Amino acid sequence: MRIIPAIDIIDGKCVRLSKGDYSTQKIYNENPLEVAKEFEAHGIQYLHLVDLDGAKSNRIINYKILDQIATKTTLKIDFGGGLKSDEDLKIAFECGANQITGGSIAIKNPTVFENWIQKYGADKIILGADANNKKIAISGWLEESTQEVIPFIKNYQSKGIEYVICTDIAKDGMLEGPSFDLYQEILSETTNCKLIASGGISTFDELPKLAELGCEGTIIGKAIYEGRISLKQLENYIIN
């Protein structure tokens, strides 16, 4: 299972939120590149980079940080937040994203999102299926849609999607453990879904459980920043 640390950006700084609530933001480092380099130094190969400013607006905002991390580390970056147009996507890939995650766009403008899958390929486009009470949430989680998470994933699998990041918003940033039941349900009701678990990871012991369920990757955020999971532990997990 791939280990994918997260860096969330507001005003150019590395922050974390609780349950996606912008009023709960806590700054962990004013230099995201510094954080990314530390990940890289511990053998980590992947990074989940989220433009929270972009998620609230209708366009990519923090692309310069993406460019900086992409040019000064070897991390393979998946980038999300505020990708609403073909131009946004072009900027993200030109600035060094290996993959992009589309969530709100997949609900609000499915035609554009489907075109991205066709144009760039299933290995480049990740479906962001962020859920609150099993309903997809959008616009930086400020809005809840009527779409249920499993039919939503299945629909996009029929359009060619392979990679899916699923965050249970109620768990995100709470350090109370991930949604094992939700992930098990998704994996049992879909076929060939490369599911990346996100939200709530709180201890190292949860990682082998997620791997056992069949998750392709897991995104870890606050547990690293709060010292619940050490980079040394992750380094040893990756090596072994």
C-alpha atoms as a PDB file:
ATOM      1  CA  MET A   1       0.000   0.000   0.000  1.00  0.00           C
ATOM      2  CA  ARG A   2       1.339   3.409  -0.973  1.00  0.00           C
ATOM      3  CA  ILE A   3       1.958   5.913   1.819  1.00  0.00           C
ATOM      4  CA  ILE A   4       0.926   9.407   0.720  1.00  0.00           C
ATOM      5  CA  PRO A   5       1.491  12.264   3.202  1.00  0.00           C
ATOM      6  CA  ALA A   6      -0.662  15.353   2.716  1.00  0.00           C
ATOM      7  CA  ILE A   7       0.235  19.009   2.550  1.00  0.00           C
ATOM      8  CA  ASP A   8      -2.762  21.352   2.622  1.00  0.00           C
ATOM      9  CA  ILE A   9      -2.102  24.947   1.588  1.00  0.00           C
ATOM     10  CA  ILE A  10      -3.769  28.163   2.721  1.00  0.00           C
ATOM     11  CA  ASP A  11      -2.025  31.504   2.027  1.00  0.00           C
ATOM     12  CA  GLY A  12       1.094  29.599   0.979  1.00  0.00           C
ATOM     13  CA  LYS A  13       1.401  27.869   4.366  1.00  0.00           C
ATOM     14  CA  CYS A  14       1.111  24.228   5.402  1.00  0.00           C
ATOM     15  CA  VAL A  15      -2.086  23.882   7.460  1.00  0.00           C
ATOM     16  CA  ARG A  16      -4.590  21.281   8.656  1.00  0.00           C
ATOM     17  CA  LEU A  17      -8.314  21.646   9.213  1.00  0.00           C
ATOM     18  CA  SER A  18     -10.766  19.614  11.298  1.00  0.00           C
ATOM     19  CA  LYS A  19     -13.704  18.155   9.334  1.00  0.00           C
ATOM     20  CA  GLY A  20     -12.868  20.547   6.510  1.00  0.00           C
ATOM     21  CA  ASP A  21     -13.866  23.578   8.594  1.00  0.00           C
ATOM     22  CA  TYR A  22     -11.739  26.545   7.487  1.00  0.00           C
ATOM     23  CA  SER A  23     -12.219  28.270  10.854  1.00  0.00           C
ATOM     24  CA  THR A  24     -10.280  25.426  12.545  1.00  0.00           C
ATOM     25  CA  GLN A  25      -7.098  25.887  10.516  1.00  0.00           C
ATOM     26  CA  LYS A  26      -3.818  25.294  12.305  1.00  0.00           C
ATOM     27  CA  ILE A  27      -0.545  26.320  10.693  1.00  0.00           C
ATOM     28  CA  TYR A  28       2.163  23.665  11.000  1.00  0.00           C
ATOM     29  CA  ASN A  29       4.841  25.177   8.796  1.00  0.00           C
ATOM     30  CA  GLU A  30       5.135  28.373   6.781  1.00  0.00           C
ATOM     31  CA  ASN A  31       7.330  26.613   4.229  1.00  0.00           C
ATOM     32  CA  PRO A  32       5.620  23.671   2.450  1.00  0.00           C
ATOM     33  CA  LEU A  33       8.815  22.870   0.512  1.00  0.00           C
ATOM     34  CA  GLU A  34      10.621  22.260   3.786  1.00  0.00           C
ATOM     35  CA  VAL A  35       7.923  19.760   4.791  1.00  0.00           C
ATOM     36  CA  ALA A  36       8.055  18.028   1.396  1.00  0.00           C
ATOM     37  CA  LYS A  37      11.848  17.696   1.593  1.00  0.00           C
ATOM     38  CA  GLU A  38      11.550  16.106   5.023  1.00  0.00           C
ATOM     39  CA  PHE A  39       9.095  13.552   3.628  1.00  0.00           C
ATOM     40  CA  GLU A  40      11.484  12.815   0.771  1.00  0.00           C
ATOM     41  CA  ALA A  41      14.421  12.388   3.175  1.00  0.00           C
ATOM     42  CA  HIS A  42      12.501   9.545   4.867  1.00  0.00           C
ATOM     43  CA  GLY A  43      12.041   7.549   1.682  1.00  0.00           C
ATOM     44  CA  ILE A  44       8.538   8.782   0.902  1.00  0.00           C
ATOM     45  CA  GLN A  45       7.840   8.917  -2.823  1.00  0.00           C
ATOM     46  CA  TYR A  46       4.327  10.349  -3.008  1.00  0.00           C
ATOM     47  CA  LEU A  47       2.607  13.563  -1.938  1.00  0.00           C
ATOM     48  CA  HIS A  48      -1.027  14.651  -1.791  1.00  0.00           C
ATOM     49  CA  LEU A  49      -0.995  18.440  -2.254  1.00  0.00           C
ATOM     50  CA  VAL A  50      -4.247  20.306  -1.704  1.00  0.00           C
ATOM     51  CA  ASP A  51      -4.879  23.910  -2.691  1.00  0.00           C
ATOM     52  CA  LEU A  52      -7.468  24.855  -0.046  1.00  0.00           C
ATOM     53  CA  ASP A  53      -7.583  28.433  -1.325  1.00  0.00           C
ATOM     54  CA  GLY A  54      -8.369  27.028  -4.754  1.00  0.00           C
ATOM     55  CA  ALA A  55     -11.038  24.701  -3.356  1.00  0.00           C
ATOM     56  CA  LYS A  56     -12.954  27.707  -2.023  1.00  0.00           C
ATOM     57  CA  SER A  57     -12.587  29.707  -5.218  1.00  0.00           C
ATOM     58  CA  ASN A  58     -13.150  28.636  -8.798  1.00  0.00           C
ATOM     59  CA  ARG A  59      -9.592  28.341  -9.992  1.00  0.00           C
ATOM     60  CA  ILE A  60      -6.160  27.057  -9.125  1.00  0.00           C
ATOM     61  CA  ILE A  61      -4.369  29.421  -6.691  1.00  0.00           C
ATOM     62  CA  ASN A  62      -1.254  27.839  -5.138  1.00  0.00           C
ATOM     63  CA  TYR A  63       0.349  26.496  -8.315  1.00  0.00           C
ATOM     64  CA  LYS A  64       3.685  28.170  -7.529  1.00  0.00           C
ATOM     65  CA  ILE A  65       4.078  25.937  -4.473  1.00  0.00           C
ATOM     66  CA  LEU A  66       3.299  22.906  -6.645  1.00  0.00           C
ATOM     67  CA  ASP A  67       5.987  24.034  -9.081  1.00  0.00           C
ATOM     68  CA  GLN A  68       8.476  24.604  -6.269  1.00  0.00           C
ATOM     69  CA  ILE A  69       7.975  21.163  -4.709  1.00  0.00           C
ATOM     70  CA  ALA A  70       7.954  19.425  -8.101  1.00  0.00           C
ATOM     71  CA  THR A  71      11.217  21.024  -9.209  1.00  0.00           C
ATOM     72  CA  LYS A  72      13.068  20.720  -5.895  1.00  0.00           C
ATOM     73  CA  THR A  73      12.061  17.178  -4.868  1.00  0.00           C
ATOM     74  CA  THR A  74      11.495  13.866  -6.656  1.00  0.00           C
ATOM     75  CA  LEU A  75       8.076  13.361  -5.042  1.00  0.00           C
ATOM     76  CA  LYS A  76       5.249  12.185  -7.295  1.00  0.00           C
ATOM     77  CA  ILE A  77       2.523  14.704  -6.573  1.00  0.00           C
ATOM     78  CA  ASP A  78      -1.207  14.387  -6.866  1.00  0.00           C
ATOM     79  CA  PHE A  79      -2.725  17.843  -6.791  1.00  0.00           C
ATOM     80  CA  GLY A  80      -6.274  18.897  -5.995  1.00  0.00           C
ATOM     81  CA  GLY A  81      -8.335  21.899  -5.009  1.00  0.00           C
ATOM     82  CA  GLY A  82      -9.891  24.444  -7.355  1.00  0.00           C
ATOM     83  CA  LEU A  83      -9.370  22.588 -10.627  1.00  0.00           C
ATOM     84  CA  LYS A  84     -12.407  23.762 -12.563  1.00  0.00           C
ATOM     85  CA  SER A  85     -11.276  24.340 -16.152  1.00  0.00           C
ATOM     86  CA  ASP A  86      -9.036  22.945 -18.873  1.00  0.00           C
ATOM     87  CA  GLU A  87      -6.706  25.885 -18.204  1.00  0.00           C
ATOM     88  CA  ASP A  88      -6.441  24.976 -14.491  1.00  0.00           C
ATOM     89  CA  LEU A  89      -5.545  21.418 -15.440  1.00  0.00           C
ATOM     90  CA  LYS A  90      -2.953  22.597 -17.938  1.00  0.00           C
ATOM     91  CA  ILE A  91      -1.334  24.779 -15.251  1.00  0.00           C
ATOM     92  CA  ALA A  92      -1.296  21.910 -12.727  1.00  0.00           C
ATOM     93  CA  PHE A  93       0.410  19.492 -15.129  1.00  0.00           C
ATOM     94  CA  GLU A  94       2.831  22.163 -16.397  1.00  0.00           C
ATOM     95  CA  CYS A  95       3.783  22.921 -12.779  1.00  0.00           C
ATOM     96  CA  GLY A  96       4.710  19.291 -12.177  1.00  0.00           C
ATOM     97  CA  ALA A  97       1.640  17.391 -10.963  1.00  0.00           C
ATOM     98  CA  ASN A  98       1.834  13.665 -11.744  1.00  0.00           C
ATOM     99  CA  GLN A  99      -1.879  13.255 -11.137  1.00  0.00           C
ATOM    100  CA  ILE A 100      -4.761  15.582 -10.376  1.00  0.00           C
ATOM    101  CA  THR A 101      -7.795  14.995  -8.192  1.00  0.00           C
ATOM    102  CA  GLY A 102     -11.189  16.240  -9.324  1.00  0.00           C
ATOM    103  CA  GLY A 103     -14.081  16.303  -6.877  1.00  0.00           C
ATOM    104  CA  SER A 104     -16.441  19.257  -7.267  1.00  0.00           C
ATOM    105  CA  ILE A 105     -15.929  19.329 -11.037  1.00  0.00           C
ATOM    106  CA  ALA A 106     -17.042  15.687 -11.290  1.00  0.00           C
ATOM    107  CA  ILE A 107     -20.402  16.694  -9.772  1.00  0.00           C
ATOM    108  CA  LYS A 108     -20.887  20.175 -11.196  1.00  0.00           C
ATOM    109  CA  ASN A 109     -19.484  19.708 -14.689  1.00  0.00           C
ATOM    110  CA  PRO A 110     -19.258  15.993 -15.504  1.00  0.00           C
ATOM    111  CA  THR A 111     -18.747  16.644 -19.214  1.00  0.00           C
ATOM    112  CA  VAL A 112     -15.497  18.524 -18.550  1.00  0.00           C
ATOM    113  CA  PHE A 113     -14.314  15.877 -16.068  1.00  0.00           C
ATOM    114  CA  GLU A 114     -15.077  13.032 -18.472  1.00  0.00           C
ATOM    115  CA  ASN A 115     -13.128  14.860 -21.187  1.00  0.00           C
ATOM    116  CA  TRP A 116     -10.136  15.045 -18.826  1.00  0.00           C
ATOM    117  CA  ILE A 117     -10.264  11.252 -18.314  1.00  0.00           C
ATOM    118  CA  GLN A 118     -10.346  10.736 -22.091  1.00  0.00           C
ATOM    119  CA  LYS A 119      -7.634  13.286 -22.813  1.00  0.00           C
ATOM    120  CA  TYR A 120      -5.107  12.529 -20.058  1.00  0.00           C
ATOM    121  CA  GLY A 121      -5.882   8.898 -19.233  1.00  0.00           C
ATOM    122  CA  ALA A 122      -7.004   7.012 -16.139  1.00  0.00           C
ATOM    123  CA  ASP A 123      -3.500   7.015 -14.640  1.00  0.00           C
ATOM    124  CA  LYS A 124      -3.491  10.833 -14.479  1.00  0.00           C
ATOM    125  CA  ILE A 125      -6.989  11.644 -13.211  1.00  0.00           C
ATOM    126  CA  ILE A 126      -8.159  10.709  -9.700  1.00  0.00           C
ATOM    127  CA  LEU A 127     -11.798  10.906  -8.667  1.00  0.00           C
ATOM    128  CA  GLY A 128     -12.239  12.764  -5.383  1.00  0.00           C
ATOM    129  CA  ALA A 129     -15.151  11.059  -3.627  1.00  0.00           C
ATOM    130  CA  ASP A 130     -15.300  12.998  -0.367  1.00  0.00           C
ATOM    131  CA  ALA A 131     -18.332  11.987   1.646  1.00  0.00           C
ATOM    132  CA  ASN A 132     -20.397  13.218   4.552  1.00  0.00           C
ATOM    133  CA  ASN A 133     -22.977  10.636   5.698  1.00  0.00           C
ATOM    134  CA  LYS A 134     -22.183   8.760   2.462  1.00  0.00           C
ATOM    135  CA  LYS A 135     -23.205  11.810   0.369  1.00  0.00           C
ATOM    136  CA  ILE A 136     -20.608  13.493  -1.828  1.00  0.00           C
ATOM    137  CA  ALA A 137     -19.465  16.908  -0.551  1.00  0.00           C
ATOM    138  CA  ILE A 138     -18.033  19.578  -2.839  1.00  0.00           C
ATOM    139  CA  SER A 139     -16.561  23.106  -2.988  1.00  0.00           C
ATOM    140  CA  GLY A 140     -13.993  22.568  -0.271  1.00  0.00           C
ATOM    141  CA  TRP A 141     -16.645  20.519   1.573  1.00  0.00           C
ATOM    142  CA  LEU A 142     -18.758  23.630   2.015  1.00  0.00           C
ATOM    143  CA  GLU A 143     -21.637  22.066   0.046  1.00  0.00           C
ATOM    144  CA  GLU A 144     -23.259  18.639   0.221  1.00  0.00           C
ATOM    145  CA  SER A 145     -24.618  17.093  -2.972  1.00  0.00           C
ATOM    146  CA  THR A 146     -27.442  14.564  -3.287  1.00  0.00           C
ATOM    147  CA  GLN A 147     -25.179  11.934  -4.836  1.00  0.00           C
ATOM    148  CA  GLU A 148     -24.313   8.850  -2.811  1.00  0.00           C
ATOM    149  CA  VAL A 149     -20.702   7.778  -2.706  1.00  0.00           C
ATOM    150  CA  ILE A 150     -20.860   4.228  -4.121  1.00  0.00           C
ATOM    151  CA  PRO A 151     -23.116   4.954  -7.147  1.00  0.00           C
ATOM    152  CA  PHE A 152     -20.967   8.046  -7.773  1.00  0.00           C
ATOM    153  CA  ILE A 153     -17.780   5.936  -7.899  1.00  0.00           C
ATOM    154  CA  LYS A 154     -19.412   3.231 -10.029  1.00  0.00           C
ATOM    155  CA  ASN A 155     -20.663   5.790 -12.531  1.00  0.00           C
ATOM    156  CA  TYR A 156     -17.166   7.186 -13.036  1.00  0.00           C
ATOM    157  CA  GLN A 157     -15.641   3.712 -13.203  1.00  0.00           C
ATOM    158  CA  SER A 158     -17.890   3.186 -16.216  1.00  0.00           C
ATOM    159  CA  LYS A 159     -16.259   6.309 -17.723  1.00  0.00           C
ATOM    160  CA  GLY A 160     -12.754   4.920 -17.180  1.00  0.00           C
ATOM    161  CA  ILE A 161     -11.793   6.084 -13.659  1.00  0.00           C
ATOM    162  CA  GLU A 162      -9.453   3.754 -11.751  1.00  0.00           C
ATOM    163  CA  TYR A 163      -8.066   5.840  -8.857  1.00  0.00           C
ATOM    164  CA  VAL A 164     -10.457   7.091  -6.181  1.00  0.00           C
ATOM    165  CA  ILE A 165      -9.610   9.125  -3.077  1.00  0.00           C
ATOM    166  CA  CYS A 166     -12.352   8.772  -0.486  1.00  0.00           C
ATOM    167  CA  THR A 167     -12.347  10.998   2.577  1.00  0.00           C
ATOM    168  CA  ASP A 168     -14.968  10.559   5.271  1.00  0.00           C
ATOM    169  CA  ILE A 169     -15.323  14.215   6.245  1.00  0.00           C
ATOM    170  CA  ALA A 170     -16.629  13.408   9.721  1.00  0.00           C
ATOM    171  CA  LYS A 171     -13.286  11.703  10.399  1.00  0.00           C
ATOM    172  CA  ASP A 172     -10.935  14.159   8.728  1.00  0.00           C
ATOM    173  CA  GLY A 173      -8.470  15.830  11.074  1.00  0.00           C
ATOM    174  CA  MET A 174     -10.128  14.266  14.122  1.00  0.00           C
ATOM    175  CA  LEU A 175      -7.443  11.606  14.815  1.00  0.00           C
ATOM    176  CA  GLU A 176     -10.163   9.091  15.699  1.00  0.00           C
ATOM    177  CA  GLY A 177      -9.351   6.410  13.141  1.00  0.00           C
ATOM    178  CA  PRO A 178     -10.399   5.977   9.504  1.00  0.00           C
ATOM    179  CA  SER A 179     -13.726   4.737   8.109  1.00  0.00           C
ATOM    180  CA  PHE A 180     -12.847   1.066   7.787  1.00  0.00           C
ATOM    181  CA  ASP A 181     -16.509   0.106   7.235  1.00  0.00           C
ATOM    182  CA  LEU A 182     -17.013   2.632   4.443  1.00  0.00           C
ATOM    183  CA  TYR A 183     -13.844   1.511   2.643  1.00  0.00           C
ATOM    184  CA  GLN A 184     -14.782  -2.145   2.999  1.00  0.00           C
ATOM    185  CA  GLU A 185     -18.221  -1.388   1.551  1.00  0.00           C
ATOM    186  CA  ILE A 186     -16.734   0.522  -1.398  1.00  0.00           C
ATOM    187  CA  LEU A 187     -14.218  -2.234  -2.160  1.00  0.00           C
ATOM    188  CA  SER A 188     -16.815  -4.995  -1.899  1.00  0.00           C
ATOM    189  CA  GLU A 189     -19.331  -3.197  -4.134  1.00  0.00           C
ATOM    190  CA  THR A 190     -16.925  -2.038  -6.850  1.00  0.00           C
ATOM    191  CA  THR A 191     -14.465  -3.906  -9.024  1.00  0.00           C
ATOM    192  CA  ASN A 192     -10.849  -2.944  -9.734  1.00  0.00           C
ATOM    193  CA  CYS A 193     -11.125   0.257  -7.702  1.00  0.00           C
ATOM    194  CA  LYS A 194      -7.726   1.663  -6.720  1.00  0.00           C
ATOM    195  CA  LEU A 195      -9.022   3.123  -3.479  1.00  0.00           C
ATOM    196  CA  ILE A 196      -6.945   5.649  -1.565  1.00  0.00           C
ATOM    197  CA  ALA A 197      -8.133   6.006   2.029  1.00  0.00           C
ATOM    198  CA  SER A 198      -8.076   9.482   3.530  1.00  0.00           C
ATOM    199  CA  GLY A 199      -9.214  11.047   6.774  1.00  0.00           C
ATOM    200  CA  GLY A 200      -8.948  10.100  10.411  1.00  0.00           C
ATOM    201  CA  ILE A 201      -5.676   8.140  10.325  1.00  0.00           C
ATOM    202  CA  SER A 202      -4.430   8.371  13.901  1.00  0.00           C
ATOM    203  CA  THR A 203      -2.004   5.514  14.652  1.00  0.00           C
ATOM    204  CA  PHE A 204       0.508   3.447  12.751  1.00  0.00           C
ATOM    205  CA  ASP A 205      -1.450   0.229  13.522  1.00  0.00           C
ATOM    206  CA  GLU A 206      -4.285   1.383  11.266  1.00  0.00           C
ATOM    207  CA  LEU A 207      -2.081   1.197   8.171  1.00  0.00           C
ATOM    208  CA  PRO A 208      -1.766  -2.623   7.937  1.00  0.00           C
ATOM    209  CA  LYS A 209      -5.550  -2.862   8.471  1.00  0.00           C
ATOM    210  CA  LEU A 210      -6.205  -0.550   5.519  1.00  0.00           C
ATOM    211  CA  ALA A 211      -3.737  -2.562   3.425  1.00  0.00           C
ATOM    212  CA  GLU A 212      -5.539  -5.766   4.414  1.00  0.00           C
ATOM    213  CA  LEU A 213      -8.870  -4.309   3.278  1.00  0.00           C
ATOM    214  CA  GLY A 214      -7.325  -3.781  -0.150  1.00  0.00           C
ATOM    215  CA  CYS A 215      -6.716  -0.010  -0.160  1.00  0.00           C
ATOM    216  CA  GLU A 216      -4.202   0.942  -2.868  1.00  0.00           C
ATOM    217  CA  GLY A 217      -2.905   3.864  -0.836  1.00  0.00           C
ATOM    218  CA  THR A 218      -3.537   5.933   2.240  1.00  0.00           C
ATOM    219  CA  ILE A 219      -3.236   9.672   2.780  1.00  0.00           C
ATOM    220  CA  ILE A 220      -1.877  10.730   6.159  1.00  0.00           C
ATOM    221  CA  GLY A 221      -2.043  14.306   7.393  1.00  0.00           C
ATOM    222  CA  LYS A 222      -2.562  15.464  10.944  1.00  0.00           C
ATOM    223  CA  ALA A 223      -1.216  12.220  12.497  1.00  0.00           C
ATOM    224  CA  ILE A 224       2.215  13.111  11.087  1.00  0.00           C
ATOM    225  CA  TYR A 225       2.060  16.780  12.059  1.00  0.00           C
ATOM    226  CA  GLU A 226       0.896  15.998  15.592  1.00  0.00           C
ATOM    227  CA  GLY A 227       3.580  13.343  16.060  1.00  0.00           C
ATOM    228  CA  ARG A 228       1.148  10.404  16.324  1.00  0.00           C
ATOM    229  CA  ILE A 229       2.912   8.641  13.449  1.00  0.00           C
ATOM    230  CA  SER A 230       6.625   9.274  12.944  1.00  0.00           C
ATOM    231  CA  LEU A 231       8.324   9.597   9.584  1.00  0.00           C
ATOM    232  CA  LYS A 232      10.749   6.909  10.778  1.00  0.00           C
ATOM    233  CA  GLN A 233       7.824   4.483  11.225  1.00  0.00           C
ATOM    234  CA  LEU A 234       6.647   5.273   7.709  1.00  0.00           C
ATOM    235  CA  GLU A 235      10.174   4.850   6.350  1.00  0.00           C
ATOM    236  CA  ASN A 236      10.388   1.382   7.922  1.00  0.00           C
ATOM    237  CA  TYR A 237       6.929   0.473   6.593  1.00  0.00           C
ATOM    238  CA  ILE A 238       7.919   1.478   3.060  1.00  0.00           C
ATOM    239  CA  ILE A 239      11.217  -0.455   3.210  1.00  0.00           C
ATOM    240  CA  ASN A 240       9.563  -3.606   4.553  1.00  0.00           C
END
